[in-house]
Amino acid sequence: MIQAYPSKITKDKQERYFVRFLDFDEAVTDGESMEEALFNAQEVLTLTIEGRMDEGIDIPDPRQTTGETVHFIAPAARVQAALLVHRARGNRSLADQARALETSWP
């Protein structure tokens, strides 16, 4: 399951593309071209989610939205995998989850 988050991309007066994520106020970036803005958006989303995981801050599910200026961006594959494990784990300890998977926690 791919976790893609909605973002709004707008063009400013200096012809730069500005990217803002709807679910993460702190995740913003830009680029000189649409391609560069999309690349930067994936990087900033990946870093934002990693930071929230490290600090124990809530990571929302992607909101469902539509519109011409909405672009769905997915974080890096390693963060996708970490999100799936994080959500599957819930409030269980890592040891409890390892037992459920019939493996050791390391």
PDB file of N, CA and C in Angstrom:
ATOM      1  N   MET A   1       0.839  -1.167   0.000  1.00  0.00           N
ATOM      2  CA  MET A   1       0.000   0.000   0.000  1.00  0.00           C
ATOM      3  C   MET A   1       0.893   1.243   0.000  1.00  0.00           C
ATOM      4  N   ILE A   2       0.749   2.072  -0.990  1.00  0.00           N
ATOM      5  CA  ILE A   2       1.553   3.285  -1.086  1.00  0.00           C
ATOM      6  C   ILE A   2       0.861   4.403  -0.315  1.00  0.00           C
ATOM      7  N   GLN A   3       1.635   5.064   0.529  1.00  0.00           N
ATOM      8  CA  GLN A   3       1.137   6.202   1.301  1.00  0.00           C
ATOM      9  C   GLN A   3       1.570   7.476   0.575  1.00  0.00           C
ATOM     10  N   ALA A   4       0.712   8.027  -0.266  1.00  0.00           N
ATOM     11  CA  ALA A   4       1.023   9.260  -0.991  1.00  0.00           C
ATOM     12  C   ALA A   4       0.239  10.401  -0.358  1.00  0.00           C
ATOM     13  N   TYR A   5       0.931  11.478  -0.064  1.00  0.00           N
ATOM     14  CA  TYR A   5       0.334  12.623   0.617  1.00  0.00           C
ATOM     15  C   TYR A   5       0.042  13.747  -0.374  1.00  0.00           C
ATOM     16  N   PRO A   6      -1.100  14.404  -0.211  1.00  0.00           N
ATOM     17  CA  PRO A   6      -1.458  15.484  -1.133  1.00  0.00           C
ATOM     18  C   PRO A   6      -0.634  16.745  -0.880  1.00  0.00           C
ATOM     19  N   SER A   7      -0.293  17.391  -1.971  1.00  0.00           N
ATOM     20  CA  SER A   7       0.426  18.661  -1.884  1.00  0.00           C
ATOM     21  C   SER A   7      -0.179  19.623  -2.897  1.00  0.00           C
ATOM     22  N   LYS A   8      -0.019  20.884  -2.626  1.00  0.00           N
ATOM     23  CA  LYS A   8      -0.433  21.937  -3.568  1.00  0.00           C
ATOM     24  C   LYS A   8       0.836  22.526  -4.159  1.00  0.00           C
ATOM     25  N   ILE A   9       0.851  22.643  -5.458  1.00  0.00           N
ATOM     26  CA  ILE A   9       1.998  23.224  -6.147  1.00  0.00           C
ATOM     27  C   ILE A   9       1.516  24.475  -6.869  1.00  0.00           C
ATOM     28  N   THR A  10       2.171  25.581  -6.546  1.00  0.00           N
ATOM     29  CA  THR A  10       1.832  26.852  -7.186  1.00  0.00           C
ATOM     30  C   THR A  10       3.099  27.463  -7.765  1.00  0.00           C
ATOM     31  N   LYS A  11       2.904  28.331  -8.732  1.00  0.00           N
ATOM     32  CA  LYS A  11       4.022  29.031  -9.370  1.00  0.00           C
ATOM     33  C   LYS A  11       4.022  30.465  -8.866  1.00  0.00           C
ATOM     34  N   ASP A  12       5.174  30.936  -8.393  1.00  0.00           N
ATOM     35  CA  ASP A  12       5.224  32.300  -7.869  1.00  0.00           C
ATOM     36  C   ASP A  12       5.646  33.284  -8.954  1.00  0.00           C
ATOM     37  N   LYS A  13       5.793  34.543  -8.573  1.00  0.00           N
ATOM     38  CA  LYS A  13       6.111  35.600  -9.538  1.00  0.00           C
ATOM     39  C   LYS A  13       7.497  35.452 -10.156  1.00  0.00           C
ATOM     40  N   GLN A  14       8.391  34.782  -9.443  1.00  0.00           N
ATOM     41  CA  GLN A  14       9.743  34.561  -9.972  1.00  0.00           C
ATOM     42  C   GLN A  14       9.821  33.279 -10.805  1.00  0.00           C
ATOM     43  N   GLU A  15       8.637  32.698 -11.142  1.00  0.00           N
ATOM     44  CA  GLU A  15       8.557  31.491 -11.968  1.00  0.00           C
ATOM     45  C   GLU A  15       9.133  30.256 -11.266  1.00  0.00           C
ATOM     46  N   ARG A  16       9.127  30.239  -9.929  1.00  0.00           N
ATOM     47  CA  ARG A  16       9.531  29.063  -9.156  1.00  0.00           C
ATOM     48  C   ARG A  16       8.270  28.318  -8.736  1.00  0.00           C
ATOM     49  N   TYR A  17       8.398  27.018  -8.613  1.00  0.00           N
ATOM     50  CA  TYR A  17       7.284  26.181  -8.181  1.00  0.00           C
ATOM     51  C   TYR A  17       7.389  25.960  -6.673  1.00  0.00           C
ATOM     52  N   PHE A  18       6.354  26.320  -5.965  1.00  0.00           N
ATOM     53  CA  PHE A  18       6.306  26.237  -4.510  1.00  0.00           C
ATOM     54  C   PHE A  18       5.415  25.057  -4.118  1.00  0.00           C
ATOM     55  N   VAL A  19       5.932  24.163  -3.269  1.00  0.00           N
ATOM     56  CA  VAL A  19       5.206  22.964  -2.857  1.00  0.00           C
ATOM     57  C   VAL A  19       4.890  23.045  -1.364  1.00  0.00           C
ATOM     58  N   ARG A  20       3.615  22.795  -1.047  1.00  0.00           N
ATOM     59  CA  ARG A  20       3.152  22.801   0.349  1.00  0.00           C
ATOM     60  C   ARG A  20       2.320  21.544   0.562  1.00  0.00           C
ATOM     61  N   PHE A  21       2.634  20.785   1.619  1.00  0.00           N
ATOM     62  CA  PHE A  21       1.876  19.576   1.934  1.00  0.00           C
ATOM     63  C   PHE A  21       0.681  19.922   2.807  1.00  0.00           C
ATOM     64  N   LEU A  22      -0.458  19.324   2.494  1.00  0.00           N
ATOM     65  CA  LEU A  22      -1.695  19.624   3.215  1.00  0.00           C
ATOM     66  C   LEU A  22      -1.733  18.991   4.602  1.00  0.00           C
ATOM     67  N   ASP A  23      -1.022  17.886   4.786  1.00  0.00           N
ATOM     68  CA  ASP A  23      -1.046  17.178   6.067  1.00  0.00           C
ATOM     69  C   ASP A  23       0.114  17.537   6.992  1.00  0.00           C
ATOM     70  N   PHE A  24       1.109  18.228   6.495  1.00  0.00           N
ATOM     71  CA  PHE A  24       2.298  18.577   7.277  1.00  0.00           C
ATOM     72  C   PHE A  24       2.622  20.055   7.074  1.00  0.00           C
ATOM     73  N   ASP A  25       2.303  20.883   8.045  1.00  0.00           N
ATOM     74  CA  ASP A  25       2.561  22.324   7.926  1.00  0.00           C
ATOM     75  C   ASP A  25       4.041  22.638   7.765  1.00  0.00           C
ATOM     76  N   GLU A  26       4.902  21.809   8.350  1.00  0.00           N
ATOM     77  CA  GLU A  26       6.338  22.087   8.315  1.00  0.00           C
ATOM     78  C   GLU A  26       7.013  21.636   7.019  1.00  0.00           C
ATOM     79  N   ALA A  27       6.306  20.914   6.167  1.00  0.00           N
ATOM     80  CA  ALA A  27       6.889  20.375   4.941  1.00  0.00           C
ATOM     81  C   ALA A  27       6.600  21.297   3.757  1.00  0.00           C
ATOM     82  N   VAL A  28       7.560  22.128   3.421  1.00  0.00           N
ATOM     83  CA  VAL A  28       7.451  23.026   2.268  1.00  0.00           C
ATOM     84  C   VAL A  28       8.770  23.008   1.510  1.00  0.00           C
ATOM     85  N   THR A  29       8.695  23.222   0.226  1.00  0.00           N
ATOM     86  CA  THR A  29       9.894  23.276  -0.601  1.00  0.00           C
ATOM     87  C   THR A  29       9.553  23.981  -1.905  1.00  0.00           C
ATOM     88  N   ASP A  30      10.537  24.094  -2.793  1.00  0.00           N
ATOM     89  CA  ASP A  30      10.296  24.699  -4.088  1.00  0.00           C
ATOM     90  C   ASP A  30      11.290  24.152  -5.097  1.00  0.00           C
ATOM     91  N   GLY A  31      11.193  24.621  -6.321  1.00  0.00           N
ATOM     92  CA  GLY A  31      12.114  24.220  -7.371  1.00  0.00           C
ATOM     93  C   GLY A  31      11.988  25.160  -8.551  1.00  0.00           C
ATOM     94  N   GLU A  32      13.043  25.206  -9.358  1.00  0.00           N
ATOM     95  CA  GLU A  32      13.024  26.068 -10.549  1.00  0.00           C
ATOM     96  C   GLU A  32      12.145  25.493 -11.653  1.00  0.00           C
ATOM     97  N   SER A  33      11.950  24.184 -11.640  1.00  0.00           N
ATOM     98  CA  SER A  33      11.078  23.525 -12.612  1.00  0.00           C
ATOM     99  C   SER A  33      10.119  22.610 -11.857  1.00  0.00           C
ATOM    100  N   MET A  34       9.082  22.148 -12.533  1.00  0.00           N
ATOM    101  CA  MET A  34       8.138  21.225 -11.900  1.00  0.00           C
ATOM    102  C   MET A  34       8.862  19.939 -11.497  1.00  0.00           C
ATOM    103  N   GLU A  35       9.739  19.457 -12.358  1.00  0.00           N
ATOM    104  CA  GLU A  35      10.491  18.231 -12.069  1.00  0.00           C
ATOM    105  C   GLU A  35      11.328  18.391 -10.798  1.00  0.00           C
ATOM    106  N   GLU A  36      12.034  19.508 -10.683  1.00  0.00           N
ATOM    107  CA  GLU A  36      12.853  19.762  -9.501  1.00  0.00           C
ATOM    108  C   GLU A  36      11.978  19.911  -8.255  1.00  0.00           C
ATOM    109  N   ALA A  37      10.848  20.573  -8.380  1.00  0.00           N
ATOM    110  CA  ALA A  37       9.943  20.750  -7.245  1.00  0.00           C
ATOM    111  C   ALA A  37       9.403  19.407  -6.759  1.00  0.00           C
ATOM    112  N   LEU A  38       9.045  18.518  -7.682  1.00  0.00           N
ATOM    113  CA  LEU A  38       8.547  17.193  -7.303  1.00  0.00           C
ATOM    114  C   LEU A  38       9.640  16.359  -6.636  1.00  0.00           C
ATOM    115  N   PHE A  39      10.850  16.437  -7.142  1.00  0.00           N
ATOM    116  CA  PHE A  39      11.979  15.729  -6.534  1.00  0.00           C
ATOM    117  C   PHE A  39      12.214  16.245  -5.115  1.00  0.00           C
ATOM    118  N   ASN A  40      12.257  17.569  -4.963  1.00  0.00           N
ATOM    119  CA  ASN A  40      12.457  18.170  -3.647  1.00  0.00           C
ATOM    120  C   ASN A  40      11.306  17.836  -2.697  1.00  0.00           C
ATOM    121  N   ALA A  41      10.090  17.745  -3.250  1.00  0.00           N
ATOM    122  CA  ALA A  41       8.923  17.437  -2.429  1.00  0.00           C
ATOM    123  C   ALA A  41       9.040  16.042  -1.824  1.00  0.00           C
ATOM    124  N   GLN A  42       9.493  15.072  -2.622  1.00  0.00           N
ATOM    125  CA  GLN A  42       9.663  13.729  -2.078  1.00  0.00           C
ATOM    126  C   GLN A  42      10.712  13.725  -0.969  1.00  0.00           C
ATOM    127  N   GLU A  43      11.792  14.450  -1.172  1.00  0.00           N
ATOM    128  CA  GLU A  43      12.845  14.519  -0.150  1.00  0.00           C
ATOM    129  C   GLU A  43      12.339  15.162   1.141  1.00  0.00           C
ATOM    130  N   VAL A  44      11.635  16.282   1.041  1.00  0.00           N
ATOM    131  CA  VAL A  44      11.167  16.971   2.247  1.00  0.00           C
ATOM    132  C   VAL A  44      10.097  16.142   2.952  1.00  0.00           C
ATOM    133  N   LEU A  45       9.256  15.444   2.202  1.00  0.00           N
ATOM    134  CA  LEU A  45       8.255  14.583   2.816  1.00  0.00           C
ATOM    135  C   LEU A  45       8.933  13.429   3.560  1.00  0.00           C
ATOM    136  N   THR A  46       9.921  12.823   2.937  1.00  0.00           N
ATOM    137  CA  THR A  46      10.667  11.735   3.571  1.00  0.00           C
ATOM    138  C   THR A  46      11.304  12.215   4.872  1.00  0.00           C
ATOM    139  N   LEU A  47      11.973  13.359   4.835  1.00  0.00           N
ATOM    140  CA  LEU A  47      12.627  13.897   6.032  1.00  0.00           C
ATOM    141  C   LEU A  47      11.622  14.281   7.115  1.00  0.00           C
ATOM    142  N   THR A  48      10.487  14.810   6.711  1.00  0.00           N
ATOM    143  CA  THR A  48       9.456  15.202   7.675  1.00  0.00           C
ATOM    144  C   THR A  48       8.914  13.980   8.414  1.00  0.00           C
ATOM    145  N   ILE A  49       8.600  12.939   7.665  1.00  0.00           N
ATOM    146  CA  ILE A  49       8.051  11.734   8.296  1.00  0.00           C
ATOM    147  C   ILE A  49       9.102  11.057   9.174  1.00  0.00           C
ATOM    148  N   GLU A  50      10.348  10.985   8.697  1.00  0.00           N
ATOM    149  CA  GLU A  50      11.423  10.413   9.518  1.00  0.00           C
ATOM    150  C   GLU A  50      11.581  11.193  10.819  1.00  0.00           C
ATOM    151  N   GLY A  51      11.560  12.510  10.726  1.00  0.00           N
ATOM    152  CA  GLY A  51      11.698  13.347  11.915  1.00  0.00           C
ATOM    153  C   GLY A  51      10.562  13.126  12.896  1.00  0.00           C
ATOM    154  N   ARG A  52       9.349  13.048  12.378  1.00  0.00           N
ATOM    155  CA  ARG A  52       8.194  12.812  13.255  1.00  0.00           C
ATOM    156  C   ARG A  52       8.284  11.444  13.916  1.00  0.00           C
ATOM    157  N   MET A  53       8.747  10.444  13.181  1.00  0.00           N
ATOM    158  CA  MET A  53       8.899   9.107  13.766  1.00  0.00           C
ATOM    159  C   MET A  53       9.944   9.124  14.878  1.00  0.00           C
ATOM    160  N   ASP A  54      11.071   9.768  14.620  1.00  0.00           N
ATOM    161  CA  ASP A  54      12.140   9.853  15.619  1.00  0.00           C
ATOM    162  C   ASP A  54      11.691  10.567  16.887  1.00  0.00           C
ATOM    163  N   GLU A  55      10.853  11.593  16.731  1.00  0.00           N
ATOM    164  CA  GLU A  55      10.420  12.397  17.872  1.00  0.00           C
ATOM    165  C   GLU A  55       9.105  11.922  18.482  1.00  0.00           C
ATOM    166  N   GLY A  56       8.521  10.879  17.925  1.00  0.00           N
ATOM    167  CA  GLY A  56       7.271  10.345  18.451  1.00  0.00           C
ATOM    168  C   GLY A  56       6.068  11.242  18.197  1.00  0.00           C
ATOM    169  N   ILE A  57       6.134  12.049  17.147  1.00  0.00           N
ATOM    170  CA  ILE A  57       5.034  12.942  16.783  1.00  0.00           C
ATOM    171  C   ILE A  57       4.085  12.194  15.849  1.00  0.00           C
ATOM    172  N   ASP A  58       2.800  12.432  16.002  1.00  0.00           N
ATOM    173  CA  ASP A  58       1.773  11.777  15.209  1.00  0.00           C
ATOM    174  C   ASP A  58       2.016  11.972  13.708  1.00  0.00           C
ATOM    175  N   ILE A  59       1.802  10.902  12.957  1.00  0.00           N
ATOM    176  CA  ILE A  59       1.897  10.945  11.498  1.00  0.00           C
ATOM    177  C   ILE A  59       0.501  10.656  10.959  1.00  0.00           C
ATOM    178  N   PRO A  60      -0.150  11.651  10.390  1.00  0.00           N
ATOM    179  CA  PRO A  60      -1.527  11.449   9.924  1.00  0.00           C
ATOM    180  C   PRO A  60      -1.590  10.556   8.688  1.00  0.00           C
ATOM    181  N   ASP A  61      -2.739   9.917   8.516  1.00  0.00           N
ATOM    182  CA  ASP A  61      -2.996   9.229   7.255  1.00  0.00           C
ATOM    183  C   ASP A  61      -3.167  10.303   6.187  1.00  0.00           C
ATOM    184  N   PRO A  62      -2.812  10.002   4.948  1.00  0.00           N
ATOM    185  CA  PRO A  62      -2.999  10.999   3.884  1.00  0.00           C
ATOM    186  C   PRO A  62      -4.470  11.363   3.741  1.00  0.00           C
ATOM    187  N   ARG A  63      -4.747  12.651   3.652  1.00  0.00           N
ATOM    188  CA  ARG A  63      -6.142  13.058   3.460  1.00  0.00           C
ATOM    189  C   ARG A  63      -6.540  12.810   2.013  1.00  0.00           C
ATOM    190  N   GLN A  64      -7.801  12.550   1.835  1.00  0.00           N
ATOM    191  CA  GLN A  64      -8.347  12.320   0.501  1.00  0.00           C
ATOM    192  C   GLN A  64      -8.879  13.647  -0.013  1.00  0.00           C
ATOM    193  N   THR A  65      -8.313  14.110  -1.094  1.00  0.00           N
ATOM    194  CA  THR A  65      -8.719  15.384  -1.669  1.00  0.00           C
ATOM    195  C   THR A  65      -8.510  15.344  -3.172  1.00  0.00           C
ATOM    196  N   THR A  66      -9.140  16.237  -3.865  1.00  0.00           N
ATOM    197  CA  THR A  66      -8.994  16.311  -5.314  1.00  0.00           C
ATOM    198  C   THR A  66      -8.836  17.766  -5.731  1.00  0.00           C
ATOM    199  N   GLY A  67      -8.481  17.964  -6.951  1.00  0.00           N
ATOM    200  CA  GLY A  67      -8.340  19.311  -7.497  1.00  0.00           C
ATOM    201  C   GLY A  67      -7.219  19.355  -8.509  1.00  0.00           C
ATOM    202  N   GLU A  68      -7.267  20.361  -9.339  1.00  0.00           N
ATOM    203  CA  GLU A  68      -6.255  20.493 -10.393  1.00  0.00           C
ATOM    204  C   GLU A  68      -4.868  20.730  -9.841  1.00  0.00           C
ATOM    205  N   THR A  69      -4.771  21.450  -8.733  1.00  0.00           N
ATOM    206  CA  THR A  69      -3.444  21.786  -8.207  1.00  0.00           C
ATOM    207  C   THR A  69      -2.959  20.800  -7.145  1.00  0.00           C
ATOM    208  N   VAL A  70      -3.685  19.709  -6.929  1.00  0.00           N
ATOM    209  CA  VAL A  70      -3.279  18.717  -5.931  1.00  0.00           C
ATOM    210  C   VAL A  70      -2.428  17.645  -6.606  1.00  0.00           C
ATOM    211  N   HIS A  71      -1.252  17.426  -6.045  1.00  0.00           N
ATOM    212  CA  HIS A  71      -0.348  16.378  -6.513  1.00  0.00           C
ATOM    213  C   HIS A  71      -0.074  15.452  -5.337  1.00  0.00           C
ATOM    214  N   PHE A  72      -0.174  14.149  -5.560  1.00  0.00           N
ATOM    215  CA  PHE A  72       0.107  13.185  -4.503  1.00  0.00           C
ATOM    216  C   PHE A  72       1.563  12.761  -4.599  1.00  0.00           C
ATOM    217  N   ILE A  73       2.260  12.900  -3.482  1.00  0.00           N
ATOM    218  CA  ILE A  73       3.694  12.610  -3.402  1.00  0.00           C
ATOM    219  C   ILE A  73       3.891  11.488  -2.382  1.00  0.00           C
ATOM    220  N   ALA A  74       4.704  10.502  -2.736  1.00  0.00           N
ATOM    221  CA  ALA A  74       5.016   9.413  -1.817  1.00  0.00           C
ATOM    222  C   ALA A  74       6.433   9.605  -1.276  1.00  0.00           C
ATOM    223  N   PRO A  75       6.649   9.297   0.002  1.00  0.00           N
ATOM    224  CA  PRO A  75       8.007   9.368   0.545  1.00  0.00           C
ATOM    225  C   PRO A  75       8.850   8.216  -0.003  1.00  0.00           C
ATOM    226  N   ALA A  76      10.125   8.206   0.323  1.00  0.00           N
ATOM    227  CA  ALA A  76      11.039   7.156  -0.122  1.00  0.00           C
ATOM    228  C   ALA A  76      10.537   5.788   0.341  1.00  0.00           C
ATOM    229  N   ALA A  77      10.930   4.737  -0.376  1.00  0.00           N
ATOM    230  CA  ALA A  77      10.458   3.382  -0.092  1.00  0.00           C
ATOM    231  C   ALA A  77      10.765   2.948   1.337  1.00  0.00           C
ATOM    232  N   ARG A  78      11.933   3.318   1.865  1.00  0.00           N
ATOM    233  CA  ARG A  78      12.289   2.919   3.237  1.00  0.00           C
ATOM    234  C   ARG A  78      11.326   3.526   4.256  1.00  0.00           C
ATOM    235  N   VAL A  79      10.848   4.736   3.993  1.00  0.00           N
ATOM    236  CA  VAL A  79       9.892   5.386   4.890  1.00  0.00           C
ATOM    237  C   VAL A  79       8.512   4.760   4.714  1.00  0.00           C
ATOM    238  N   GLN A  80       8.171   4.380   3.485  1.00  0.00           N
ATOM    239  CA  GLN A  80       6.913   3.674   3.248  1.00  0.00           C
ATOM    240  C   GLN A  80       6.872   2.405   4.101  1.00  0.00           C
ATOM    241  N   ALA A  81       7.960   1.646   4.073  1.00  0.00           N
ATOM    242  CA  ALA A  81       8.024   0.406   4.851  1.00  0.00           C
ATOM    243  C   ALA A  81       7.945   0.697   6.348  1.00  0.00           C
ATOM    244  N   ALA A  82       8.662   1.707   6.801  1.00  0.00           N
ATOM    245  CA  ALA A  82       8.633   2.065   8.220  1.00  0.00           C
ATOM    246  C   ALA A  82       7.242   2.504   8.660  1.00  0.00           C
ATOM    247  N   LEU A  83       6.538   3.224   7.803  1.00  0.00           N
ATOM    248  CA  LEU A  83       5.167   3.642   8.109  1.00  0.00           C
ATOM    249  C   LEU A  83       4.237   2.448   8.264  1.00  0.00           C
ATOM    250  N   LEU A  84       4.364   1.478   7.376  1.00  0.00           N
ATOM    251  CA  LEU A  84       3.523   0.296   7.459  1.00  0.00           C
ATOM    252  C   LEU A  84       3.778  -0.466   8.759  1.00  0.00           C
ATOM    253  N   VAL A  85       5.040  -0.627   9.125  1.00  0.00           N
ATOM    254  CA  VAL A  85       5.383  -1.303  10.382  1.00  0.00           C
ATOM    255  C   VAL A  85       4.878  -0.485  11.558  1.00  0.00           C
ATOM    256  N   HIS A  86       5.080   0.810  11.511  1.00  0.00           N
ATOM    257  CA  HIS A  86       4.647   1.710  12.581  1.00  0.00           C
ATOM    258  C   HIS A  86       3.135   1.616  12.791  1.00  0.00           C
ATOM    259  N   ARG A  87       2.386   1.614  11.720  1.00  0.00           N
ATOM    260  CA  ARG A  87       0.922   1.559  11.831  1.00  0.00           C
ATOM    261  C   ARG A  87       0.449   0.178  12.260  1.00  0.00           C
ATOM    262  N   ALA A  88       1.120  -0.868  11.792  1.00  0.00           N
ATOM    263  CA  ALA A  88       0.745  -2.226  12.180  1.00  0.00           C
ATOM    264  C   ALA A  88       1.048  -2.476  13.656  1.00  0.00           C
ATOM    265  N   ARG A  89       2.089  -1.854  14.132  1.00  0.00           N
ATOM    266  CA  ARG A  89       2.520  -2.043  15.513  1.00  0.00           C
ATOM    267  C   ARG A  89       1.533  -1.446  16.505  1.00  0.00           C
ATOM    268  N   GLY A  90       0.984  -0.295  16.181  1.00  0.00           N
ATOM    269  CA  GLY A  90       0.049   0.362  17.087  1.00  0.00           C
ATOM    270  C   GLY A  90       0.685   0.639  18.433  1.00  0.00           C
ATOM    271  N   ASN A  91       0.020   0.261  19.515  1.00  0.00           N
ATOM    272  CA  ASN A  91       0.540   0.491  20.863  1.00  0.00           C
ATOM    273  C   ASN A  91       1.344  -0.686  21.397  1.00  0.00           C
ATOM    274  N   ARG A  92       1.535  -1.712  20.576  1.00  0.00           N
ATOM    275  CA  ARG A  92       2.291  -2.884  21.027  1.00  0.00           C
ATOM    276  C   ARG A  92       3.776  -2.579  21.071  1.00  0.00           C
ATOM    277  N   SER A  93       4.447  -3.233  21.997  1.00  0.00           N
ATOM    278  CA  SER A  93       5.902  -3.076  22.079  1.00  0.00           C
ATOM    279  C   SER A  93       6.531  -3.801  20.898  1.00  0.00           C
ATOM    280  N   LEU A  94       7.782  -3.474  20.622  1.00  0.00           N
ATOM    281  CA  LEU A  94       8.496  -4.127  19.535  1.00  0.00           C
ATOM    282  C   LEU A  94       8.615  -5.624  19.816  1.00  0.00           C
ATOM    283  N   ALA A  95       8.828  -5.990  21.089  1.00  0.00           N
ATOM    284  CA  ALA A  95       8.929  -7.402  21.458  1.00  0.00           C
ATOM    285  C   ALA A  95       7.610  -8.128  21.195  1.00  0.00           C
ATOM    286  N   ASP A  96       6.476  -7.500  21.540  1.00  0.00           N
ATOM    287  CA  ASP A  96       5.170  -8.120  21.281  1.00  0.00           C
ATOM    288  C   ASP A  96       4.936  -8.305  19.780  1.00  0.00           C
ATOM    289  N   GLN A  97       5.330  -7.316  19.011  1.00  0.00           N
ATOM    290  CA  GLN A  97       5.154  -7.424  17.568  1.00  0.00           C
ATOM    291  C   GLN A  97       6.045  -8.523  17.009  1.00  0.00           C
ATOM    292  N   ALA A  98       7.271  -8.635  17.495  1.00  0.00           N
ATOM    293  CA  ALA A  98       8.183  -9.691  17.029  1.00  0.00           C
ATOM    294  C   ALA A  98       7.610 -11.061  17.349  1.00  0.00           C
ATOM    295  N   ARG A  99       7.029 -11.219  18.543  1.00  0.00           N
ATOM    296  CA  ARG A  99       6.414 -12.505  18.897  1.00  0.00           C
ATOM    297  C   ARG A  99       5.253 -12.821  17.958  1.00  0.00           C
ATOM    298  N   ALA A 100       4.449 -11.817  17.622  1.00  0.00           N
ATOM    299  CA  ALA A 100       3.322 -12.026  16.713  1.00  0.00           C
ATOM    300  C   ALA A 100       3.805 -12.450  15.331  1.00  0.00           C
ATOM    301  N   LEU A 101       4.952 -11.969  14.935  1.00  0.00           N
ATOM    302  CA  LEU A 101       5.544 -12.317  13.644  1.00  0.00           C
ATOM    303  C   LEU A 101       6.416 -13.571  13.721  1.00  0.00           C
ATOM    304  N   GLU A 102       6.496 -14.145  14.948  1.00  0.00           N
ATOM    305  CA  GLU A 102       7.310 -15.331  15.204  1.00  0.00           C
ATOM    306  C   GLU A 102       8.768 -15.121  14.817  1.00  0.00           C
ATOM    307  N   THR A 103       9.300 -14.011  15.286  1.00  0.00           N
ATOM    308  CA  THR A 103      10.711 -13.683  15.079  1.00  0.00           C
ATOM    309  C   THR A 103      11.230 -12.984  16.318  1.00  0.00           C
ATOM    310  N   SER A 104      12.507 -12.636  16.329  1.00  0.00           N
ATOM    311  CA  SER A 104      13.063 -11.913  17.465  1.00  0.00           C
ATOM    312  C   SER A 104      13.032 -10.417  17.155  1.00  0.00           C
ATOM    313  N   TRP A 105      13.012  -9.574  18.188  1.00  0.00           N
ATOM    314  CA  TRP A 105      12.889  -8.144  17.940  1.00  0.00           C
ATOM    315  C   TRP A 105      14.076  -7.529  17.228  1.00  0.00           C
ATOM    316  N   PRO A 106      15.333  -8.032  17.381  1.00  0.00           N
ATOM    317  CA  PRO A 106      16.430  -7.412  16.609  1.00  0.00           C
ATOM    318  C   PRO A 106      16.249  -7.605  15.129  1.00  0.00           C
TER     319      PRO A 106
END
